[in-house]
Amino acid sequence: MRIDWHEYFLAQSHLLRLRSTCERLKVGALIVKDNRVIAGGYNGSVSGEDHCIDVGCYIEGGHCIRTIHAEINALLQCSKFGASTEGASVYVTHFPCVHCTKSMIQAGVKNIYYAEDYKNHPYAIELLDKTGVNYQQIDLDLQKVAGYFENFK
């Protein structure tokens, strides 16, 4: 039995979320182009700064401002290392916030695949529809994914 592409990439976003340092919501994002991973990110603090798991979240207006979102961290990794995101797909554990949605659209992302709904903002959906960016919730059965490992004994 072979894992399909959506399961493969979405499972990797779930592995990335295990690195998250924000206690409010652990999110992982993977950027893929031509079925190749070009970047990954998770939500956490600016490099070298305190982490939420160590000092608590820095809440303003109901949001943790200490945290950089997973999707932004992945996009920044592409920027830092010169990888184009034009036409790329993003696999993310949760539906992206409106700010991450705008950033991904602006970066040329053409597909957003996510596992869980999370405060799906109407304006984010409107922007995705207007710009023709495909977005789709993918049912990820982590037990099924774990079952693939039974063949490796």
Foldseek 3Di string as FASTA:
>chain_A
DDDDLLLVQLVVQVVQLVPEQAPPDRKKKFKDDPSHTDFIFIKFADPPDDTCNGVHFDDDPRDRPRIDHGLVVRVVSCVVVVNQRAQIEMEMAEDDDQVSLVVSVVSRHQEYEYAYYDPNDPVSVVVCVVSNRHYYYDHHDVVVVVVVCVVPD
